[in-house]
Structures are given as C-alpha cells and as structure tokens.
N, C-alpha and C. Protein backbone atom coordinates (compact mmCIF):
# COMPACT_ATOMS: atom_id res chain seq x y z
N UNK A 1 -13.94 1.16 50.62
CA UNK A 1 -14.24 0.80 52.00
C UNK A 1 -13.48 -0.45 52.42
N UNK A 2 -13.09 -1.26 51.46
CA UNK A 2 -12.41 -2.49 51.79
C UNK A 2 -11.10 -2.26 52.53
N UNK A 3 -10.37 -1.24 52.16
CA UNK A 3 -9.07 -0.97 52.79
C UNK A 3 -9.25 -0.45 54.20
N UNK A 4 -10.16 0.50 54.39
CA UNK A 4 -10.32 1.15 55.68
C UNK A 4 -11.44 0.56 56.53
N UNK A 5 -12.29 -0.28 55.94
CA UNK A 5 -13.36 -0.89 56.69
C UNK A 5 -14.56 0.02 56.90
N UNK A 6 -14.51 1.21 56.36
CA UNK A 6 -15.62 2.16 56.47
C UNK A 6 -15.44 3.25 55.43
N UNK A 7 -16.49 4.00 55.20
CA UNK A 7 -16.42 5.09 54.24
C UNK A 7 -15.85 6.32 54.93
N UNK A 8 -14.69 6.77 54.49
CA UNK A 8 -14.04 7.92 55.12
C UNK A 8 -14.82 9.22 54.93
N UNK A 9 -15.71 9.26 53.94
CA UNK A 9 -16.55 10.44 53.73
C UNK A 9 -17.64 10.56 54.80
N UNK A 10 -17.82 9.52 55.59
CA UNK A 10 -18.80 9.55 56.67
C UNK A 10 -18.16 9.74 58.04
N UNK A 11 -16.89 10.06 58.06
CA UNK A 11 -16.19 10.23 59.34
C UNK A 11 -15.94 11.70 59.64
N UNK A 12 -16.45 12.13 60.75
CA UNK A 12 -16.29 13.52 61.20
C UNK A 12 -14.82 13.91 61.30
N UNK A 13 -13.98 13.00 61.77
CA UNK A 13 -12.56 13.32 61.97
C UNK A 13 -11.79 13.46 60.65
N UNK A 14 -12.41 13.20 59.53
CA UNK A 14 -11.77 13.37 58.22
C UNK A 14 -12.05 14.73 57.59
N UNK A 15 -12.85 15.56 58.26
CA UNK A 15 -13.25 16.85 57.69
C UNK A 15 -12.04 17.72 57.35
N UNK A 16 -11.05 17.77 58.23
CA UNK A 16 -9.86 18.59 57.99
C UNK A 16 -9.17 18.16 56.70
N UNK A 17 -8.96 16.86 56.53
CA UNK A 17 -8.29 16.35 55.33
C UNK A 17 -9.15 16.56 54.08
N UNK A 18 -10.44 16.37 54.23
CA UNK A 18 -11.38 16.58 53.13
C UNK A 18 -11.26 18.02 52.62
N UNK A 19 -11.28 18.97 53.55
CA UNK A 19 -11.19 20.39 53.18
C UNK A 19 -9.86 20.72 52.51
N UNK A 20 -8.80 20.08 52.95
CA UNK A 20 -7.49 20.30 52.35
C UNK A 20 -7.41 19.67 50.96
N UNK A 21 -7.95 18.48 50.80
CA UNK A 21 -7.89 17.79 49.52
C UNK A 21 -8.67 18.51 48.42
N UNK A 22 -9.79 19.13 48.79
CA UNK A 22 -10.60 19.77 47.75
C UNK A 22 -10.38 21.27 47.65
N UNK A 23 -9.47 21.82 48.44
CA UNK A 23 -9.10 23.22 48.27
C UNK A 23 -9.85 24.21 49.12
N UNK A 24 -10.70 23.74 50.02
CA UNK A 24 -11.38 24.65 50.94
C UNK A 24 -10.32 25.26 51.86
N UNK A 25 -9.39 24.42 52.30
CA UNK A 25 -8.25 24.88 53.09
C UNK A 25 -7.00 24.84 52.20
N UNK A 26 -6.02 25.63 52.55
CA UNK A 26 -4.82 25.81 51.70
C UNK A 26 -3.95 24.57 51.56
N UNK A 27 -3.62 23.92 52.64
CA UNK A 27 -2.68 22.81 52.61
C UNK A 27 -3.27 21.61 51.86
N UNK A 28 -2.45 20.92 51.06
CA UNK A 28 -2.86 19.67 50.43
C UNK A 28 -2.05 18.55 51.07
N UNK A 29 -2.69 17.70 51.86
CA UNK A 29 -1.97 16.76 52.71
C UNK A 29 -1.33 15.57 51.99
N UNK A 30 -1.86 15.14 50.86
CA UNK A 30 -1.37 13.93 50.21
C UNK A 30 -1.12 14.21 48.74
N UNK A 31 0.06 13.88 48.26
CA UNK A 31 0.37 14.04 46.83
C UNK A 31 -0.16 12.87 46.01
N UNK A 32 -0.38 11.74 46.66
CA UNK A 32 -0.70 10.51 45.93
C UNK A 32 -2.17 10.40 45.50
N UNK A 33 -2.98 11.38 45.77
CA UNK A 33 -4.40 11.26 45.46
C UNK A 33 -4.82 12.05 44.23
N UNK A 34 -3.90 12.68 43.55
CA UNK A 34 -4.24 13.45 42.37
C UNK A 34 -4.32 14.93 42.68
N UNK A 35 -4.63 15.70 41.66
CA UNK A 35 -4.73 17.15 41.81
C UNK A 35 -6.03 17.52 42.51
N UNK A 36 -6.10 18.74 42.97
CA UNK A 36 -7.36 19.21 43.57
C UNK A 36 -8.49 19.17 42.55
N UNK A 37 -8.18 19.53 41.30
CA UNK A 37 -9.21 19.49 40.26
C UNK A 37 -9.73 18.06 40.07
N UNK A 38 -8.84 17.07 40.11
CA UNK A 38 -9.26 15.68 39.97
C UNK A 38 -10.11 15.25 41.16
N UNK A 39 -9.70 15.63 42.36
CA UNK A 39 -10.47 15.30 43.56
C UNK A 39 -11.86 15.93 43.46
N UNK A 40 -11.90 17.21 43.09
CA UNK A 40 -13.18 17.92 43.00
C UNK A 40 -14.07 17.34 41.91
N UNK A 41 -13.49 16.95 40.78
CA UNK A 41 -14.28 16.35 39.71
C UNK A 41 -14.93 15.06 40.18
N UNK A 42 -14.18 14.26 40.91
CA UNK A 42 -14.74 13.00 41.44
C UNK A 42 -15.82 13.26 42.48
N UNK A 43 -15.58 14.23 43.36
CA UNK A 43 -16.60 14.57 44.36
C UNK A 43 -17.85 15.14 43.68
N UNK A 44 -17.65 15.89 42.61
CA UNK A 44 -18.79 16.41 41.85
C UNK A 44 -19.63 15.28 41.29
N UNK A 45 -18.99 14.23 40.82
CA UNK A 45 -19.71 13.06 40.31
C UNK A 45 -20.47 12.36 41.43
N UNK A 46 -19.87 12.26 42.60
CA UNK A 46 -20.53 11.64 43.76
C UNK A 46 -21.82 12.41 44.08
N UNK A 47 -21.72 13.73 44.13
CA UNK A 47 -22.88 14.57 44.45
C UNK A 47 -23.91 14.46 43.33
N UNK A 48 -23.45 14.51 42.08
CA UNK A 48 -24.36 14.44 40.93
C UNK A 48 -25.16 13.14 40.91
N UNK A 49 -24.54 12.05 41.36
CA UNK A 49 -25.22 10.75 41.40
C UNK A 49 -26.20 10.62 42.55
N UNK A 50 -26.19 11.61 43.44
CA UNK A 50 -27.11 11.58 44.57
C UNK A 50 -26.60 10.80 45.77
N UNK A 51 -25.33 10.42 45.74
CA UNK A 51 -24.76 9.71 46.89
C UNK A 51 -24.62 10.71 48.03
N UNK A 52 -24.99 10.29 49.22
CA UNK A 52 -24.99 11.20 50.37
C UNK A 52 -24.11 10.66 51.49
N UNK A 53 -23.09 11.44 51.78
CA UNK A 53 -22.17 11.12 52.86
C UNK A 53 -22.03 12.35 53.74
N UNK A 54 -21.62 12.17 54.95
CA UNK A 54 -21.50 13.27 55.90
C UNK A 54 -20.73 14.46 55.30
N UNK A 55 -19.54 14.21 54.78
CA UNK A 55 -18.69 15.31 54.32
C UNK A 55 -19.14 15.89 52.99
N UNK A 56 -19.65 15.08 52.07
CA UNK A 56 -20.13 15.64 50.81
C UNK A 56 -21.41 16.45 51.02
N UNK A 57 -22.24 16.04 51.96
CA UNK A 57 -23.44 16.83 52.28
C UNK A 57 -23.06 18.15 52.95
N UNK A 58 -22.12 18.09 53.86
CA UNK A 58 -21.68 19.30 54.57
C UNK A 58 -21.10 20.32 53.60
N UNK A 59 -20.36 19.87 52.61
CA UNK A 59 -19.65 20.77 51.69
C UNK A 59 -20.26 20.75 50.29
N UNK A 60 -21.50 20.33 50.20
CA UNK A 60 -22.18 20.17 48.91
C UNK A 60 -22.16 21.45 48.07
N UNK A 61 -22.47 22.57 48.67
CA UNK A 61 -22.52 23.83 47.93
C UNK A 61 -21.15 24.16 47.33
N UNK A 62 -20.10 23.97 48.10
CA UNK A 62 -18.74 24.22 47.60
C UNK A 62 -18.41 23.28 46.45
N UNK A 63 -18.75 22.01 46.62
CA UNK A 63 -18.48 21.02 45.57
C UNK A 63 -19.21 21.38 44.30
N UNK A 64 -20.50 21.66 44.41
CA UNK A 64 -21.31 21.96 43.22
C UNK A 64 -20.83 23.21 42.49
N UNK A 65 -20.33 24.18 43.23
CA UNK A 65 -19.92 25.43 42.57
C UNK A 65 -18.46 25.42 42.12
N UNK A 66 -17.68 24.41 42.50
CA UNK A 66 -16.26 24.40 42.16
C UNK A 66 -15.78 23.17 41.40
N UNK A 67 -16.60 22.15 41.28
CA UNK A 67 -16.16 20.91 40.66
C UNK A 67 -16.13 21.04 39.14
N UNK A 68 -14.96 20.77 38.53
CA UNK A 68 -14.92 20.72 37.06
C UNK A 68 -15.58 19.44 36.57
N UNK A 69 -15.86 19.36 35.29
CA UNK A 69 -16.43 18.14 34.73
C UNK A 69 -15.38 17.03 34.73
N UNK A 70 -15.82 15.84 35.03
CA UNK A 70 -14.91 14.69 35.07
C UNK A 70 -14.58 14.19 33.67
N UNK A 71 -15.53 14.21 32.76
CA UNK A 71 -15.34 13.58 31.45
C UNK A 71 -14.12 14.11 30.68
N UNK A 72 -13.85 15.42 30.65
CA UNK A 72 -12.63 15.85 29.93
C UNK A 72 -11.35 15.31 30.58
N UNK A 73 -11.36 15.14 31.89
CA UNK A 73 -10.18 14.62 32.57
C UNK A 73 -9.93 13.16 32.23
N UNK A 74 -10.98 12.43 31.92
CA UNK A 74 -10.83 11.03 31.57
C UNK A 74 -10.26 10.85 30.17
N UNK A 75 -10.22 11.93 29.39
CA UNK A 75 -9.71 11.87 28.03
C UNK A 75 -8.31 12.44 27.91
N UNK A 76 -7.64 12.69 29.02
CA UNK A 76 -6.28 13.20 28.95
C UNK A 76 -5.39 12.47 29.96
N UNK A 77 -4.12 12.53 29.71
CA UNK A 77 -3.12 11.91 30.58
C UNK A 77 -2.06 12.97 30.85
N UNK A 78 -1.91 13.35 32.08
CA UNK A 78 -0.92 14.34 32.44
C UNK A 78 0.39 13.64 32.76
N UNK A 79 1.43 13.98 32.03
CA UNK A 79 2.72 13.35 32.19
C UNK A 79 3.49 13.75 33.43
N UNK A 80 2.96 14.70 34.19
CA UNK A 80 3.62 15.12 35.43
C UNK A 80 3.20 14.19 36.57
N UNK A 81 3.80 13.01 36.59
CA UNK A 81 3.48 12.02 37.61
C UNK A 81 4.70 11.12 37.80
N UNK A 82 4.59 10.19 38.70
CA UNK A 82 5.70 9.28 38.98
C UNK A 82 5.43 7.87 38.47
N UNK A 83 4.52 7.75 37.50
CA UNK A 83 4.22 6.44 36.91
C UNK A 83 5.42 6.03 36.07
N UNK A 84 5.98 4.85 36.29
CA UNK A 84 7.12 4.40 35.48
C UNK A 84 6.78 4.40 34.00
N UNK A 85 7.75 4.82 33.16
CA UNK A 85 7.52 4.96 31.72
C UNK A 85 6.95 3.70 31.08
N UNK A 86 7.42 2.52 31.50
CA UNK A 86 6.94 1.30 30.85
C UNK A 86 5.44 1.11 31.06
N UNK A 87 4.92 1.58 32.19
CA UNK A 87 3.48 1.48 32.44
C UNK A 87 2.73 2.65 31.80
N UNK A 88 3.30 3.83 31.88
CA UNK A 88 2.67 5.00 31.29
C UNK A 88 2.53 4.83 29.78
N UNK A 89 3.58 4.30 29.13
CA UNK A 89 3.53 4.07 27.69
C UNK A 89 2.41 3.10 27.33
N UNK A 90 2.23 2.08 28.14
CA UNK A 90 1.17 1.10 27.89
C UNK A 90 -0.21 1.72 28.05
N UNK A 91 -0.37 2.54 29.06
CA UNK A 91 -1.67 3.20 29.29
C UNK A 91 -1.98 4.13 28.12
N UNK A 92 -1.02 4.96 27.75
CA UNK A 92 -1.24 5.89 26.64
C UNK A 92 -1.54 5.14 25.34
N UNK A 93 -0.81 4.07 25.09
CA UNK A 93 -1.03 3.29 23.87
C UNK A 93 -2.43 2.67 23.87
N UNK A 94 -2.83 2.13 25.01
CA UNK A 94 -4.15 1.50 25.11
C UNK A 94 -5.27 2.51 24.91
N UNK A 95 -5.02 3.73 25.31
CA UNK A 95 -6.03 4.77 25.17
C UNK A 95 -5.93 5.49 23.83
N UNK A 96 -4.94 5.15 23.03
CA UNK A 96 -4.76 5.81 21.73
C UNK A 96 -4.47 7.28 21.89
N UNK A 97 -3.51 7.60 22.73
CA UNK A 97 -3.24 9.00 23.05
C UNK A 97 -2.06 9.54 22.28
N UNK A 98 -2.18 10.81 21.88
CA UNK A 98 -1.10 11.54 21.22
C UNK A 98 -0.54 12.57 22.19
N UNK A 99 0.75 12.80 22.12
CA UNK A 99 1.42 13.70 23.07
C UNK A 99 1.43 15.13 22.57
N UNK A 100 1.17 16.06 23.51
CA UNK A 100 1.30 17.49 23.27
C UNK A 100 2.03 18.04 24.47
N UNK A 101 3.36 18.07 24.43
CA UNK A 101 4.14 18.46 25.61
C UNK A 101 4.06 17.34 26.63
N UNK A 102 3.73 17.68 27.87
CA UNK A 102 3.61 16.69 28.92
C UNK A 102 2.19 16.19 29.10
N UNK A 103 1.27 16.65 28.27
CA UNK A 103 -0.13 16.24 28.38
C UNK A 103 -0.49 15.41 27.14
N UNK A 104 -1.22 14.35 27.36
CA UNK A 104 -1.60 13.45 26.30
C UNK A 104 -3.12 13.50 26.12
N UNK A 105 -3.56 13.51 24.88
CA UNK A 105 -4.99 13.62 24.59
C UNK A 105 -5.47 12.41 23.81
N UNK A 106 -6.69 12.02 24.08
CA UNK A 106 -7.32 10.94 23.35
C UNK A 106 -7.50 11.36 21.90
N UNK A 107 -7.13 10.49 20.98
CA UNK A 107 -7.26 10.80 19.55
C UNK A 107 -8.53 10.18 18.99
C-alpha cells in the first residue's frame, strides 16, 4: 500500500487486471509480477488467512478452486527470469539450491 497509497485489491477499477493476472481472463497484462500460478498461490494464501478485499471476495470461489500451494513454490527457483546472474547465484547459494535444468530445488 505504501507505493500506491491504497490497497489495489479494494479498487473496483482493478477488476480487469485482477482477472487477467490470475487467469480468469486470457490476457496477462504484466510480465513483472510472476507467473499466473505464483499470483494464484499468493492470492490463495490471502484467502486462507481470512483477509477480505473487494476483489478476493468477488473471486473467492475461483481462487479457492484454482490456487496451487505456495509452500512448494517457495522451495524452488525458476531460472527463466531476467534476474542478473550475480544476484541469482547469491540467492540460490543462500537457499542451498541445486540445479536441475533451469529449475533449482532446495536441498
């Protein structure tokens, strides 16, 4: 909220982007926010914690039935990104990750 001054999940005018980001609609408007699975996993956690916002309440059923678990995603690093190697190597090393192709797993 610090960047935008308000919670974007409580804004009616964000519904179109919300639907695109989580896969309700086909188009994905922003590449910089992660995959749809990552977005849905985070929204699933928001709903699971009982946080209530306009857009998560409106699309709660879709979120609950489509959100993958977040915990497995936190234990892997997908190399298909634009993170500079010097930073990616540090992150993987700090997490003790081993490489399997372009995906890294916690050891």
